[in-house]
Amino acid sequence: MSDHERIYLEPSPGADEDYGRQWCQHNVWDEATEYVRADLHEVLIQERDRLREALKRMEDCFEQLAATRTHEVYAAMIDSGQGQALLDLDNARRNARDVLREIRP
């Protein structure tokens, strides 16, 4: 027997009385219950937690910048050729936030 990444359980209403609810590796029912392999679920949870921690660190960094003379810090970064790095950091923060919104339980 192979370990499928996902399996589906037939909905209770409409199940065959002789055989009961059936399992399938493909979702062939409109309202099946989806089950994901525990090891794959754990990997997703770990990745979600890692992204949350990275986002928290970036937000803390932005809060520290906001608490200082932000415009002077930004101007210094731009003057020293780090303007693109500042934009990249802000884009990464936005992307991480979007990803977390998708995977938050």
PDB file of N, CA and C in Angstrom:
ATOM      1  N   MET A   1       0.849  -1.180   0.000  1.00  0.00           N
ATOM      2  CA  MET A   1       0.000   0.000   0.000  1.00  0.00           C
ATOM      3  C   MET A   1       0.893   1.242   0.000  1.00  0.00           C
ATOM      4  N   SER A   2       0.622   2.161  -0.895  1.00  0.00           N
ATOM      5  CA  SER A   2       1.417   3.383  -0.951  1.00  0.00           C
ATOM      6  C   SER A   2       0.799   4.443  -0.041  1.00  0.00           C
ATOM      7  N   ASP A   3       1.629   5.356   0.386  1.00  0.00           N
ATOM      8  CA  ASP A   3       1.153   6.449   1.229  1.00  0.00           C
ATOM      9  C   ASP A   3       0.809   7.632   0.342  1.00  0.00           C
ATOM     10  N   HIS A   4      -0.449   7.898   0.170  1.00  0.00           N
ATOM     11  CA  HIS A   4      -0.891   9.034  -0.632  1.00  0.00           C
ATOM     12  C   HIS A   4      -0.775  10.303   0.205  1.00  0.00           C
ATOM     13  N   GLU A   5      -0.486  11.406  -0.450  1.00  0.00           N
ATOM     14  CA  GLU A   5      -0.385  12.678   0.262  1.00  0.00           C
ATOM     15  C   GLU A   5      -1.727  13.094   0.837  1.00  0.00           C
ATOM     16  N   ARG A   6      -2.784  12.810   0.102  1.00  0.00           N
ATOM     17  CA  ARG A   6      -4.140  13.170   0.534  1.00  0.00           C
ATOM     18  C   ARG A   6      -5.072  12.003   0.217  1.00  0.00           C
ATOM     19  N   ILE A   7      -6.055  11.820   1.072  1.00  0.00           N
ATOM     20  CA  ILE A   7      -7.119  10.857   0.795  1.00  0.00           C
ATOM     21  C   ILE A   7      -8.440  11.519   1.157  1.00  0.00           C
ATOM     22  N   TYR A   8      -9.516  10.976   0.617  1.00  0.00           N
ATOM     23  CA  TYR A   8     -10.830  11.582   0.792  1.00  0.00           C
ATOM     24  C   TYR A   8     -11.806  10.543   1.308  1.00  0.00           C
ATOM     25  N   LEU A   9     -12.639  10.958   2.263  1.00  0.00           N
ATOM     26  CA  LEU A   9     -13.658  10.099   2.850  1.00  0.00           C
ATOM     27  C   LEU A   9     -15.020  10.520   2.305  1.00  0.00           C
ATOM     28  N   GLU A  10     -15.756   9.542   1.830  1.00  0.00           N
ATOM     29  CA  GLU A  10     -17.083   9.784   1.267  1.00  0.00           C
ATOM     30  C   GLU A  10     -17.987  10.445   2.302  1.00  0.00           C
ATOM     31  N   PRO A  11     -18.805  11.406   1.883  1.00  0.00           N
ATOM     32  CA  PRO A  11     -19.748  12.023   2.825  1.00  0.00           C
ATOM     33  C   PRO A  11     -20.736  10.984   3.347  1.00  0.00           C
ATOM     34  N   SER A  12     -21.176  11.168   4.572  1.00  0.00           N
ATOM     35  CA  SER A  12     -22.082  10.212   5.193  1.00  0.00           C
ATOM     36  C   SER A  12     -23.416  10.092   4.475  1.00  0.00           C
ATOM     37  N   PRO A  13     -24.096  11.192   4.186  1.00  0.00           N
ATOM     38  CA  PRO A  13     -25.338  11.032   3.424  1.00  0.00           C
ATOM     39  C   PRO A  13     -25.008  10.518   2.019  1.00  0.00           C
ATOM     40  N   GLY A  14     -25.678   9.476   1.613  1.00  0.00           N
ATOM     41  CA  GLY A  14     -25.450   8.924   0.287  1.00  0.00           C
ATOM     42  C   GLY A  14     -24.484   7.755   0.270  1.00  0.00           C
ATOM     43  N   ALA A  15     -23.913   7.408   1.418  1.00  0.00           N
ATOM     44  CA  ALA A  15     -22.987   6.270   1.464  1.00  0.00           C
ATOM     45  C   ALA A  15     -23.773   4.968   1.292  1.00  0.00           C
ATOM     46  N   ASP A  16     -23.137   3.999   0.694  1.00  0.00           N
ATOM     47  CA  ASP A  16     -23.763   2.703   0.453  1.00  0.00           C
ATOM     48  C   ASP A  16     -24.021   2.016   1.790  1.00  0.00           C
ATOM     49  N   GLU A  17     -25.246   1.533   2.002  1.00  0.00           N
ATOM     50  CA  GLU A  17     -25.605   0.903   3.278  1.00  0.00           C
ATOM     51  C   GLU A  17     -24.846  -0.403   3.505  1.00  0.00           C
ATOM     52  N   ASP A  18     -24.540  -1.125   2.442  1.00  0.00           N
ATOM     53  CA  ASP A  18     -23.835  -2.401   2.588  1.00  0.00           C
ATOM     54  C   ASP A  18     -22.340  -2.219   2.869  1.00  0.00           C
ATOM     55  N   TYR A  19     -21.749  -1.221   2.262  1.00  0.00           N
ATOM     56  CA  TYR A  19     -20.302  -1.045   2.369  1.00  0.00           C
ATOM     57  C   TYR A  19     -19.892   0.077   3.311  1.00  0.00           C
ATOM     58  N   GLY A  20     -20.789   0.972   3.615  1.00  0.00           N
ATOM     59  CA  GLY A  20     -20.454   2.110   4.463  1.00  0.00           C
ATOM     60  C   GLY A  20     -19.712   3.173   3.678  1.00  0.00           C
ATOM     61  N   ARG A  21     -19.104   4.073   4.375  1.00  0.00           N
ATOM     62  CA  ARG A  21     -18.374   5.164   3.742  1.00  0.00           C
ATOM     63  C   ARG A  21     -17.082   4.637   3.137  1.00  0.00           C
ATOM     64  N   GLN A  22     -16.743   5.132   1.954  1.00  0.00           N
ATOM     65  CA  GLN A  22     -15.566   4.663   1.227  1.00  0.00           C
ATOM     66  C   GLN A  22     -14.476   5.724   1.237  1.00  0.00           C
ATOM     67  N   TRP A  23     -13.230   5.253   1.092  1.00  0.00           N
ATOM     68  CA  TRP A  23     -12.068   6.128   0.963  1.00  0.00           C
ATOM     69  C   TRP A  23     -11.643   6.139  -0.498  1.00  0.00           C
ATOM     70  N   CYS A  24     -11.047   7.260  -0.931  1.00  0.00           N
ATOM     71  CA  CYS A  24     -10.544   7.341  -2.303  1.00  0.00           C
ATOM     72  C   CYS A  24      -9.335   8.275  -2.320  1.00  0.00           C
ATOM     73  N   GLN A  25      -8.364   7.972  -3.175  1.00  0.00           N
ATOM     74  CA  GLN A  25      -7.195   8.854  -3.274  1.00  0.00           C
ATOM     75  C   GLN A  25      -7.474  10.104  -4.104  1.00  0.00           C
ATOM     76  N   HIS A  26      -8.599  10.122  -4.811  1.00  0.00           N
ATOM     77  CA  HIS A  26      -9.030  11.283  -5.594  1.00  0.00           C
ATOM     78  C   HIS A  26     -10.378  11.750  -5.047  1.00  0.00           C
ATOM     79  N   ASN A  27     -10.601  13.038  -5.073  1.00  0.00           N
ATOM     80  CA  ASN A  27     -11.869  13.574  -4.572  1.00  0.00           C
ATOM     81  C   ASN A  27     -12.942  13.371  -5.643  1.00  0.00           C
ATOM     82  N   VAL A  28     -13.694  12.320  -5.514  1.00  0.00           N
ATOM     83  CA  VAL A  28     -14.747  12.007  -6.486  1.00  0.00           C
ATOM     84  C   VAL A  28     -16.133  12.408  -5.974  1.00  0.00           C
ATOM     85  N   TRP A  29     -16.194  12.983  -4.772  1.00  0.00           N
ATOM     86  CA  TRP A  29     -17.465  13.407  -4.197  1.00  0.00           C
ATOM     87  C   TRP A  29     -17.473  14.929  -4.058  1.00  0.00           C
ATOM     88  N   ASP A  30     -18.656  15.499  -4.049  1.00  0.00           N
ATOM     89  CA  ASP A  30     -18.766  16.953  -3.930  1.00  0.00           C
ATOM     90  C   ASP A  30     -18.386  17.460  -2.538  1.00  0.00           C
ATOM     91  N   GLU A  31     -18.715  16.692  -1.505  1.00  0.00           N
ATOM     92  CA  GLU A  31     -18.490  17.169  -0.135  1.00  0.00           C
ATOM     93  C   GLU A  31     -17.683  16.174   0.684  1.00  0.00           C
ATOM     94  N   ALA A  32     -16.642  15.633   0.084  1.00  0.00           N
ATOM     95  CA  ALA A  32     -15.793  14.674   0.790  1.00  0.00           C
ATOM     96  C   ALA A  32     -14.971  15.379   1.867  1.00  0.00           C
ATOM     97  N   THR A  33     -14.571  14.604   2.874  1.00  0.00           N
ATOM     98  CA  THR A  33     -13.673  15.108   3.895  1.00  0.00           C
ATOM     99  C   THR A  33     -12.250  14.779   3.458  1.00  0.00           C
ATOM    100  N   GLU A  34     -11.402  15.803   3.389  1.00  0.00           N
ATOM    101  CA  GLU A  34     -10.022  15.626   2.937  1.00  0.00           C
ATOM    102  C   GLU A  34      -9.112  15.373   4.140  1.00  0.00           C
ATOM    103  N   TYR A  35      -8.237  14.387   4.015  1.00  0.00           N
ATOM    104  CA  TYR A  35      -7.235  14.085   5.031  1.00  0.00           C
ATOM    105  C   TYR A  35      -5.862  14.215   4.397  1.00  0.00           C
ATOM    106  N   VAL A  36      -4.962  14.900   5.091  1.00  0.00           N
ATOM    107  CA  VAL A  36      -3.599  15.104   4.609  1.00  0.00           C
ATOM    108  C   VAL A  36      -2.670  14.290   5.498  1.00  0.00           C
ATOM    109  N   ARG A  37      -1.673  13.668   4.876  1.00  0.00           N
ATOM    110  CA  ARG A  37      -0.709  12.869   5.636  1.00  0.00           C
ATOM    111  C   ARG A  37      -0.085  13.710   6.744  1.00  0.00           C
ATOM    112  N   ALA A  38       0.053  13.155   7.922  1.00  0.00           N
ATOM    113  CA  ALA A  38       0.511  13.894   9.098  1.00  0.00           C
ATOM    114  C   ALA A  38       1.900  14.489   8.904  1.00  0.00           C
ATOM    115  N   ASP A  39       2.818  13.767   8.261  1.00  0.00           N
ATOM    116  CA  ASP A  39       4.169  14.305   8.088  1.00  0.00           C
ATOM    117  C   ASP A  39       4.168  15.522   7.169  1.00  0.00           C
ATOM    118  N   LEU A  40       3.308  15.522   6.158  1.00  0.00           N
ATOM    119  CA  LEU A  40       3.212  16.682   5.269  1.00  0.00           C
ATOM    120  C   LEU A  40       2.576  17.864   5.989  1.00  0.00           C
ATOM    121  N   HIS A  41       1.588  17.586   6.804  1.00  0.00           N
ATOM    122  CA  HIS A  41       0.950  18.642   7.591  1.00  0.00           C
ATOM    123  C   HIS A  41       1.961  19.276   8.541  1.00  0.00           C
ATOM    124  N   GLU A  42       2.782  18.457   9.161  1.00  0.00           N
ATOM    125  CA  GLU A  42       3.791  18.959  10.100  1.00  0.00           C
ATOM    126  C   GLU A  42       4.792  19.873   9.394  1.00  0.00           C
ATOM    127  N   VAL A  43       5.198  19.509   8.186  1.00  0.00           N
ATOM    128  CA  VAL A  43       6.117  20.349   7.410  1.00  0.00           C
ATOM    129  C   VAL A  43       5.485  21.711   7.138  1.00  0.00           C
ATOM    130  N   LEU A  44       4.208  21.725   6.783  1.00  0.00           N
ATOM    131  CA  LEU A  44       3.517  22.987   6.535  1.00  0.00           C
ATOM    132  C   LEU A  44       3.424  23.833   7.803  1.00  0.00           C
ATOM    133  N   ILE A  45       3.155  23.189   8.909  1.00  0.00           N
ATOM    134  CA  ILE A  45       3.075  23.915  10.184  1.00  0.00           C
ATOM    135  C   ILE A  45       4.430  24.523  10.535  1.00  0.00           C
ATOM    136  N   GLN A  46       5.498  23.758  10.353  1.00  0.00           N
ATOM    137  CA  GLN A  46       6.843  24.277  10.640  1.00  0.00           C
ATOM    138  C   GLN A  46       7.189  25.451   9.736  1.00  0.00           C
ATOM    139  N   GLU A  47       6.849  25.353   8.454  1.00  0.00           N
ATOM    140  CA  GLU A  47       7.113  26.444   7.517  1.00  0.00           C
ATOM    141  C   GLU A  47       6.292  27.678   7.891  1.00  0.00           C
ATOM    142  N   ARG A  48       5.029  27.467   8.258  1.00  0.00           N
ATOM    143  CA  ARG A  48       4.193  28.583   8.690  1.00  0.00           C
ATOM    144  C   ARG A  48       4.805  29.274   9.914  1.00  0.00           C
ATOM    145  N   ASP A  49       5.244  28.485  10.892  1.00  0.00           N
ATOM    146  CA  ASP A  49       5.826  29.062  12.100  1.00  0.00           C
ATOM    147  C   ASP A  49       7.124  29.805  11.800  1.00  0.00           C
ATOM    148  N   ARG A  50       7.927  29.241  10.877  1.00  0.00           N
ATOM    149  CA  ARG A  50       9.183  29.896  10.487  1.00  0.00           C
ATOM    150  C   ARG A  50       8.882  31.235   9.816  1.00  0.00           C
ATOM    151  N   LEU A  51       7.888  31.266   8.933  1.00  0.00           N
ATOM    152  CA  LEU A  51       7.522  32.513   8.266  1.00  0.00           C
ATOM    153  C   LEU A  51       6.949  33.529   9.250  1.00  0.00           C
ATOM    154  N   ARG A  52       6.164  33.062  10.201  1.00  0.00           N
ATOM    155  CA  ARG A  52       5.626  33.978  11.221  1.00  0.00           C
ATOM    156  C   ARG A  52       6.755  34.615  12.025  1.00  0.00           C
ATOM    157  N   GLU A  53       7.745  33.806  12.395  1.00  0.00           N
ATOM    158  CA  GLU A  53       8.873  34.327  13.178  1.00  0.00           C
ATOM    159  C   GLU A  53       9.682  35.323  12.352  1.00  0.00           C
ATOM    160  N   ALA A  54       9.904  35.019  11.078  1.00  0.00           N
ATOM    161  CA  ALA A  54      10.636  35.939  10.208  1.00  0.00           C
ATOM    162  C   ALA A  54       9.870  37.246  10.043  1.00  0.00           C
ATOM    163  N   LEU A  55       8.570  37.153   9.874  1.00  0.00           N
ATOM    164  CA  LEU A  55       7.749  38.347   9.748  1.00  0.00           C
ATOM    165  C   LEU A  55       7.796  39.172  11.033  1.00  0.00           C
ATOM    166  N   LYS A  56       7.740  38.499  12.170  1.00  0.00           N
ATOM    167  CA  LYS A  56       7.804  39.202  13.458  1.00  0.00           C
ATOM    168  C   LYS A  56       9.127  39.952  13.593  1.00  0.00           C
ATOM    169  N   ARG A  57      10.227  39.304  13.199  1.00  0.00           N
ATOM    170  CA  ARG A  57      11.530  39.971  13.280  1.00  0.00           C
ATOM    171  C   ARG A  57      11.577  41.185  12.354  1.00  0.00           C
ATOM    172  N   MET A  58      11.010  41.046  11.153  1.00  0.00           N
ATOM    173  CA  MET A  58      11.003  42.181  10.225  1.00  0.00           C
ATOM    174  C   MET A  58      10.123  43.306  10.746  1.00  0.00           C
ATOM    175  N   GLU A  59       8.979  42.963  11.324  1.00  0.00           N
ATOM    176  CA  GLU A  59       8.104  44.002  11.884  1.00  0.00           C
ATOM    177  C   GLU A  59       8.790  44.712  13.045  1.00  0.00           C
ATOM    178  N   ASP A  60       9.504  43.947  13.876  1.00  0.00           N
ATOM    179  CA  ASP A  60      10.252  44.560  14.981  1.00  0.00           C
ATOM    180  C   ASP A  60      11.297  45.529  14.446  1.00  0.00           C
ATOM    181  N   CYS A  61      11.969  45.123  13.367  1.00  0.00           N
ATOM    182  CA  CYS A  61      12.979  45.983  12.746  1.00  0.00           C
ATOM    183  C   CYS A  61      12.336  47.266  12.230  1.00  0.00           C
ATOM    184  N   PHE A  62      11.195  47.130  11.558  1.00  0.00           N
ATOM    185  CA  PHE A  62      10.506  48.321  11.054  1.00  0.00           C
ATOM    186  C   PHE A  62      10.030  49.210  12.193  1.00  0.00           C
ATOM    187  N   GLU A  63       9.585  48.613  13.291  1.00  0.00           N
ATOM    188  CA  GLU A  63       9.162  49.422  14.445  1.00  0.00           C
ATOM    189  C   GLU A  63      10.341  50.186  15.026  1.00  0.00           C
ATOM    190  N   GLN A  64      11.505  49.542  15.083  1.00  0.00           N
ATOM    191  CA  GLN A  64      12.695  50.226  15.588  1.00  0.00           C
ATOM    192  C   GLN A  64      13.085  51.374  14.664  1.00  0.00           C
ATOM    193  N   LEU A  65      12.979  51.129  13.355  1.00  0.00           N
ATOM    194  CA  LEU A  65      13.277  52.208  12.417  1.00  0.00           C
ATOM    195  C   LEU A  65      12.296  53.357  12.585  1.00  0.00           C
ATOM    196  N   ALA A  66      11.021  53.020  12.793  1.00  0.00           N
ATOM    197  CA  ALA A  66      10.001  54.058  12.950  1.00  0.00           C
ATOM    198  C   ALA A  66      10.223  54.854  14.228  1.00  0.00           C
ATOM    199  N   ALA A  67      10.766  54.203  15.237  1.00  0.00           N
ATOM    200  CA  ALA A  67      10.997  54.882  16.514  1.00  0.00           C
ATOM    201  C   ALA A  67      12.192  55.832  16.430  1.00  0.00           C
ATOM    202  N   THR A  68      13.062  55.626  15.456  1.00  0.00           N
ATOM    203  CA  THR A  68      14.208  56.523  15.287  1.00  0.00           C
ATOM    204  C   THR A  68      13.839  57.593  14.273  1.00  0.00           C
ATOM    205  N   ARG A  69      14.794  58.305  13.845  1.00  0.00           N
ATOM    206  CA  ARG A  69      14.563  59.318  12.822  1.00  0.00           C
ATOM    207  C   ARG A  69      14.538  58.614  11.472  1.00  0.00           C
ATOM    208  N   THR A  70      13.393  58.035  11.174  1.00  0.00           N
ATOM    209  CA  THR A  70      13.235  57.162  10.013  1.00  0.00           C
ATOM    210  C   THR A  70      13.659  57.828   8.717  1.00  0.00           C
ATOM    211  N   HIS A  71      13.220  59.038   8.513  1.00  0.00           N
ATOM    212  CA  HIS A  71      13.546  59.697   7.247  1.00  0.00           C
ATOM    213  C   HIS A  71      15.048  59.846   7.068  1.00  0.00           C
ATOM    214  N   GLU A  72      15.786  60.067   8.163  1.00  0.00           N
ATOM    215  CA  GLU A  72      17.242  60.183   8.066  1.00  0.00           C
ATOM    216  C   GLU A  72      17.883  58.833   7.754  1.00  0.00           C
ATOM    217  N   VAL A  73      17.328  57.767   8.353  1.00  0.00           N
ATOM    218  CA  VAL A  73      17.848  56.420   8.088  1.00  0.00           C
ATOM    219  C   VAL A  73      17.618  56.065   6.627  1.00  0.00           C
ATOM    220  N   TYR A  74      16.413  56.317   6.137  1.00  0.00           N
ATOM    221  CA  TYR A  74      16.094  56.011   4.741  1.00  0.00           C
ATOM    222  C   TYR A  74      16.977  56.834   3.796  1.00  0.00           C
ATOM    223  N   ALA A  75      17.124  58.109   4.088  1.00  0.00           N
ATOM    224  CA  ALA A  75      17.947  58.970   3.241  1.00  0.00           C
ATOM    225  C   ALA A  75      19.392  58.475   3.206  1.00  0.00           C
ATOM    226  N   ALA A  76      19.905  58.075   4.364  1.00  0.00           N
ATOM    227  CA  ALA A  76      21.272  57.562   4.423  1.00  0.00           C
ATOM    228  C   ALA A  76      21.410  56.269   3.623  1.00  0.00           C
ATOM    229  N   MET A  77      20.406  55.400   3.721  1.00  0.00           N
ATOM    230  CA  MET A  77      20.450  54.153   2.957  1.00  0.00           C
ATOM    231  C   MET A  77      20.427  54.438   1.459  1.00  0.00           C
ATOM    232  N   ILE A  78      19.570  55.362   1.050  1.00  0.00           N
ATOM    233  CA  ILE A  78      19.470  55.699  -0.374  1.00  0.00           C
ATOM    234  C   ILE A  78      20.762  56.341  -0.851  1.00  0.00           C
ATOM    235  N   ASP A  79      21.310  57.261  -0.054  1.00  0.00           N
ATOM    236  CA  ASP A  79      22.560  57.935  -0.425  1.00  0.00           C
ATOM    237  C   ASP A  79      23.726  56.958  -0.531  1.00  0.00           C
ATOM    238  N   SER A  80      23.689  55.903   0.274  1.00  0.00           N
ATOM    239  CA  SER A  80      24.801  54.946   0.250  1.00  0.00           C
ATOM    240  C   SER A  80      24.573  53.825  -0.759  1.00  0.00           C
ATOM    241  N   GLY A  81      23.531  53.956  -1.583  1.00  0.00           N
ATOM    242  CA  GLY A  81      23.297  52.956  -2.618  1.00  0.00           C
ATOM    243  C   GLY A  81      22.488  51.761  -2.147  1.00  0.00           C
ATOM    244  N   GLN A  82      21.870  51.853  -0.982  1.00  0.00           N
ATOM    245  CA  GLN A  82      21.104  50.736  -0.436  1.00  0.00           C
ATOM    246  C   GLN A  82      19.597  50.919  -0.617  1.00  0.00           C
ATOM    247  N   GLY A  83      19.203  51.826  -1.494  1.00  0.00           N
ATOM    248  CA  GLY A  83      17.788  52.066  -1.725  1.00  0.00           C
ATOM    249  C   GLY A  83      17.074  50.827  -2.236  1.00  0.00           C
ATOM    250  N   GLN A  84      17.726  50.101  -3.150  1.00  0.00           N
ATOM    251  CA  GLN A  84      17.106  48.892  -3.684  1.00  0.00           C
ATOM    252  C   GLN A  84      16.970  47.838  -2.586  1.00  0.00           C
ATOM    253  N   ALA A  85      17.941  47.738  -1.701  1.00  0.00           N
ATOM    254  CA  ALA A  85      17.859  46.781  -0.592  1.00  0.00           C
ATOM    255  C   ALA A  85      16.679  47.128   0.316  1.00  0.00           C
ATOM    256  N   LEU A  86      16.443  48.403   0.516  1.00  0.00           N
ATOM    257  CA  LEU A  86      15.313  48.841   1.330  1.00  0.00           C
ATOM    258  C   LEU A  86      13.996  48.446   0.665  1.00  0.00           C
ATOM    259  N   LEU A  87      13.910  48.651  -0.650  1.00  0.00           N
ATOM    260  CA  LEU A  87      12.701  48.240  -1.375  1.00  0.00           C
ATOM    261  C   LEU A  87      12.527  46.725  -1.347  1.00  0.00           C
ATOM    262  N   ASP A  88      13.633  45.996  -1.511  1.00  0.00           N
ATOM    263  CA  ASP A  88      13.561  44.532  -1.484  1.00  0.00           C
ATOM    264  C   ASP A  88      13.078  44.037  -0.122  1.00  0.00           C
ATOM    265  N   LEU A  89      13.565  44.644   0.938  1.00  0.00           N
ATOM    266  CA  LEU A  89      13.158  44.252   2.284  1.00  0.00           C
ATOM    267  C   LEU A  89      11.662  44.510   2.488  1.00  0.00           C
ATOM    268  N   ASP A  90      11.195  45.661   2.017  1.00  0.00           N
ATOM    269  CA  ASP A  90       9.775  45.972   2.157  1.00  0.00           C
ATOM    270  C   ASP A  90       8.928  45.011   1.324  1.00  0.00           C
ATOM    271  N   ASN A  91       9.358  44.680   0.121  1.00  0.00           N
ATOM    272  CA  ASN A  91       8.632  43.717  -0.710  1.00  0.00           C
ATOM    273  C   ASN A  91       8.610  42.336  -0.062  1.00  0.00           C
ATOM    274  N   ALA A  92       9.719  41.919   0.529  1.00  0.00           N
ATOM    275  CA  ALA A  92       9.774  40.623   1.204  1.00  0.00           C
ATOM    276  C   ALA A  92       8.812  40.594   2.380  1.00  0.00           C
ATOM    277  N   ARG A  93       8.746  41.704   3.106  1.00  0.00           N
ATOM    278  CA  ARG A  93       7.821  41.792   4.240  1.00  0.00           C
ATOM    279  C   ARG A  93       6.373  41.655   3.759  1.00  0.00           C
ATOM    280  N   ARG A  94       6.040  42.345   2.683  1.00  0.00           N
ATOM    281  CA  ARG A  94       4.678  42.274   2.149  1.00  0.00           C
ATOM    282  C   ARG A  94       4.360  40.865   1.645  1.00  0.00           C
ATOM    283  N   ASN A  95       5.319  40.246   0.957  1.00  0.00           N
ATOM    284  CA  ASN A  95       5.104  38.886   0.452  1.00  0.00           C
ATOM    285  C   ASN A  95       4.925  37.896   1.592  1.00  0.00           C
ATOM    286  N   ALA A  96       5.737  38.023   2.633  1.00  0.00           N
ATOM    287  CA  ALA A  96       5.624  37.127   3.790  1.00  0.00           C
ATOM    288  C   ALA A  96       4.273  37.296   4.466  1.00  0.00           C
ATOM    289  N   ARG A  97       3.810  38.516   4.579  1.00  0.00           N
ATOM    290  CA  ARG A  97       2.507  38.767   5.194  1.00  0.00           C
ATOM    291  C   ARG A  97       1.397  38.120   4.359  1.00  0.00           C
ATOM    292  N   ASP A  98       1.484  38.236   3.026  1.00  0.00           N
ATOM    293  CA  ASP A  98       0.482  37.631   2.151  1.00  0.00           C
ATOM    294  C   ASP A  98       0.475  36.112   2.289  1.00  0.00           C
ATOM    295  N   VAL A  99       1.668  35.512   2.360  1.00  0.00           N
ATOM    296  CA  VAL A  99       1.758  34.058   2.503  1.00  0.00           C
ATOM    297  C   VAL A  99       1.147  33.621   3.826  1.00  0.00           C
ATOM    298  N   LEU A 100       1.444  34.345   4.881  1.00  0.00           N
ATOM    299  CA  LEU A 100       0.901  33.992   6.191  1.00  0.00           C
ATOM    300  C   LEU A 100      -0.612  34.122   6.223  1.00  0.00           C
ATOM    301  N   ARG A 101      -1.152  35.094   5.547  1.00  0.00           N
ATOM    302  CA  ARG A 101      -2.613  35.229   5.497  1.00  0.00           C
ATOM    303  C   ARG A 101      -3.245  34.015   4.836  1.00  0.00           C
ATOM    304  N   GLU A 102      -2.544  33.429   3.852  1.00  0.00           N
ATOM    305  CA  GLU A 102      -3.069  32.259   3.145  1.00  0.00           C
ATOM    306  C   GLU A 102      -3.012  31.003   4.003  1.00  0.00           C
ATOM    307  N   ILE A 103      -2.000  30.884   4.867  1.00  0.00           N
ATOM    308  CA  ILE A 103      -1.823  29.612   5.578  1.00  0.00           C
ATOM    309  C   ILE A 103      -2.204  29.682   7.049  1.00  0.00           C
ATOM    310  N   ARG A 104      -2.647  30.822   7.535  1.00  0.00           N
ATOM    311  CA  ARG A 104      -3.066  30.889   8.938  1.00  0.00           C
ATOM    312  C   ARG A 104      -4.308  30.029   9.127  1.00  0.00           C
ATOM    313  N   PRO A 105      -4.306  29.230  10.210  1.00  0.00           N
ATOM    314  CA  PRO A 105      -5.485  28.368  10.465  1.00  0.00           C
ATOM    315  C   PRO A 105      -6.684  29.190  10.887  1.00  0.00           C
TER     316      PRO A 105
END
